[in-house]
């Protein structure tokens, strides 16, 4: 008896040596205890045109409802992929984080990568709303930092298909 598995690709994020492919998984296997739809991330690390590592994990279904650039932002941030992260921002992007204002795509991406990779931060989207020209994402960050886990608000302002401004605040500051 063989079970079939069908993969329908719904998105992909590609960096220098890393590609994360998101797929809707279906087939004739027992899905009774699985989320519906079943979305999985296939995280490929490639070296010399060969797959060196493949990690398969559940996709957070909340990411699928976000604008594509915000979806890509969270995937790239969690994969510590600076190249994919940089592709999310406009050249003159502004970041407000930790009571600082940072300007320019390279400065913004460097700050995010340094803060997240040092503390091994992973971000899980809890929910999102669109409000007054912003997409506000409430997310929980887990990692090696004091206060982990921490709930944060990510206020995204898009310019076309890129992030023009991002304001990151502790959730309690908004209440």
Foldseek 3Di string as FASTA:
>chain_A
DDKDKDWAWDDWFDADFKIKTKTQIDTPDDCPPPDPRWIKIWIFGHDPNHTPDTDIDTDQVQLVPDQPLVSQCQVCLLVLGLRSNLVQADQFAWEADPNDIDTGSVRVSVVSSVVCVVFVKHKDWDHWDDDDQWIKTWIWIAGNDPPPGFIKIWTFHDDVRHTRYIYIDGPVVVD
